[in-house]
Amino acid sequence: DLMLFLIHCTDGPGRAAIRADNYEAHRAYLRDSTVDIKLAGPQVSDDGSARIGSVFVVDVPDRAAAEAFAAG
């Protein structure tokens, strides 16, 4: 049986440039992943002016699979 896991990723301070530099690789990883991503989206700052992280809901067999996906 598969389970839904919520993965909450928050960028550290001053990480906007790192996020921007890796955005295309991030999108490619998500596109090519075999994980069943049920929901995904950015976290934005309170004023909506900046992305500050990401949220994913994935359907995987266990926590180890969710952690492996997040580590990728």
C-alpha atoms as a PDB file:
ATOM      1  CA  ASP A   1       0.000   0.000   0.000  1.00  0.00           C
ATOM      2  CA  LEU A   2       1.115   3.515  -0.719  1.00  0.00           C
ATOM      3  CA  MET A   3       0.913   6.458   1.682  1.00  0.00           C
ATOM      4  CA  LEU A   4       0.644  10.181   1.279  1.00  0.00           C
ATOM      5  CA  PHE A   5       3.537  12.186   2.714  1.00  0.00           C
ATOM      6  CA  LEU A   6       3.782  15.959   3.053  1.00  0.00           C
ATOM      7  CA  ILE A   7       7.228  17.365   2.316  1.00  0.00           C
ATOM      8  CA  HIS A   8       7.734  20.945   3.475  1.00  0.00           C
ATOM      9  CA  CYS A   9      10.937  22.617   2.234  1.00  0.00           C
ATOM     10  CA  THR A  10      11.850  26.078   3.485  1.00  0.00           C
ATOM     11  CA  ASP A  11      14.702  28.038   1.940  1.00  0.00           C
ATOM     12  CA  GLY A  12      17.271  29.505   4.278  1.00  0.00           C
ATOM     13  CA  PRO A  13      18.026  33.225   4.359  1.00  0.00           C
ATOM     14  CA  GLY A  14      19.796  34.539   1.282  1.00  0.00           C
ATOM     15  CA  ARG A  15      18.961  31.468  -0.807  1.00  0.00           C
ATOM     16  CA  ALA A  16      17.146  33.238  -3.657  1.00  0.00           C
ATOM     17  CA  ALA A  17      20.177  33.092  -5.967  1.00  0.00           C
ATOM     18  CA  ILE A  18      20.732  29.388  -5.260  1.00  0.00           C
ATOM     19  CA  ARG A  19      17.041  28.720  -5.929  1.00  0.00           C
ATOM     20  CA  ALA A  20      17.197  30.643  -9.213  1.00  0.00           C
ATOM     21  CA  ASP A  21      20.416  28.907 -10.318  1.00  0.00           C
ATOM     22  CA  ASN A  22      18.918  25.453  -9.717  1.00  0.00           C
ATOM     23  CA  TYR A  23      15.341  26.042 -10.843  1.00  0.00           C
ATOM     24  CA  GLU A  24      15.607  24.273 -14.221  1.00  0.00           C
ATOM     25  CA  ALA A  25      17.352  21.244 -12.676  1.00  0.00           C
ATOM     26  CA  HIS A  26      14.668  21.176  -9.970  1.00  0.00           C
ATOM     27  CA  ARG A  27      11.890  21.187 -12.573  1.00  0.00           C
ATOM     28  CA  ALA A  28      13.643  18.450 -14.583  1.00  0.00           C
ATOM     29  CA  TYR A  29      13.970  16.299 -11.438  1.00  0.00           C
ATOM     30  CA  LEU A  30      10.261  16.650 -10.741  1.00  0.00           C
ATOM     31  CA  ARG A  31       9.309  15.991 -14.361  1.00  0.00           C
ATOM     32  CA  ASP A  32      11.488  12.873 -14.603  1.00  0.00           C
ATOM     33  CA  SER A  33      10.689  11.469 -11.156  1.00  0.00           C
ATOM     34  CA  THR A  34       8.846   8.171 -10.907  1.00  0.00           C
ATOM     35  CA  VAL A  35       7.292   9.322  -7.624  1.00  0.00           C
ATOM     36  CA  ASP A  36       3.559   9.994  -7.792  1.00  0.00           C
ATOM     37  CA  ILE A  37       3.418  13.715  -6.946  1.00  0.00           C
ATOM     38  CA  LYS A  38      -0.159  14.454  -5.922  1.00  0.00           C
ATOM     39  CA  LEU A  39       0.324  18.139  -5.185  1.00  0.00           C
ATOM     40  CA  ALA A  40       3.237  20.549  -5.428  1.00  0.00           C
ATOM     41  CA  GLY A  41       3.712  24.256  -5.236  1.00  0.00           C
ATOM     42  CA  PRO A  42       5.836  27.108  -3.985  1.00  0.00           C
ATOM     43  CA  GLN A  43       5.749  28.765  -0.607  1.00  0.00           C
ATOM     44  CA  VAL A  44       5.801  32.518  -0.938  1.00  0.00           C
ATOM     45  CA  SER A  45       6.655  35.313   1.445  1.00  0.00           C
ATOM     46  CA  ASP A  46       3.807  36.978   3.337  1.00  0.00           C
ATOM     47  CA  ASP A  47       3.731  39.839   0.839  1.00  0.00           C
ATOM     48  CA  GLY A  48       3.896  37.432  -2.133  1.00  0.00           C
ATOM     49  CA  SER A  49       7.064  38.980  -3.513  1.00  0.00           C
ATOM     50  CA  ALA A  50       9.432  36.007  -3.166  1.00  0.00           C
ATOM     51  CA  ARG A  51       9.459  32.232  -3.240  1.00  0.00           C
ATOM     52  CA  ILE A  52      10.712  30.936   0.078  1.00  0.00           C
ATOM     53  CA  GLY A  53      10.293  27.187  -0.281  1.00  0.00           C
ATOM     54  CA  SER A  54       8.201  24.363  -1.683  1.00  0.00           C
ATOM     55  CA  VAL A  55       5.502  21.936  -0.559  1.00  0.00           C
ATOM     56  CA  PHE A  56       4.887  18.475  -1.994  1.00  0.00           C
ATOM     57  CA  VAL A  57       2.377  15.738  -1.303  1.00  0.00           C
ATOM     58  CA  VAL A  58       3.714  12.465  -2.642  1.00  0.00           C
ATOM     59  CA  ASP A  59       2.228   8.967  -2.748  1.00  0.00           C
ATOM     60  CA  VAL A  60       5.024   6.522  -1.907  1.00  0.00           C
ATOM     61  CA  PRO A  61       5.407   3.178  -0.106  1.00  0.00           C
ATOM     62  CA  ASP A  62       7.087   4.512   3.031  1.00  0.00           C
ATOM     63  CA  ARG A  63       8.920   7.337   4.756  1.00  0.00           C
ATOM     64  CA  ALA A  64      12.261   6.215   3.323  1.00  0.00           C
ATOM     65  CA  ALA A  65      10.915   6.708  -0.210  1.00  0.00           C
ATOM     66  CA  ALA A  66       9.602  10.177   0.709  1.00  0.00           C
ATOM     67  CA  GLU A  67      12.963  11.103   2.225  1.00  0.00           C
ATOM     68  CA  ALA A  68      14.818   9.823  -0.844  1.00  0.00           C
ATOM     69  CA  PHE A  69      12.584  11.910  -3.095  1.00  0.00           C
ATOM     70  CA  ALA A  70      13.173  14.998  -0.939  1.00  0.00           C
ATOM     71  CA  ALA A  71      16.921  14.420  -0.880  1.00  0.00           C
ATOM     72  CA  GLY A  72      16.996  14.319  -4.683  1.00  0.00           C
END
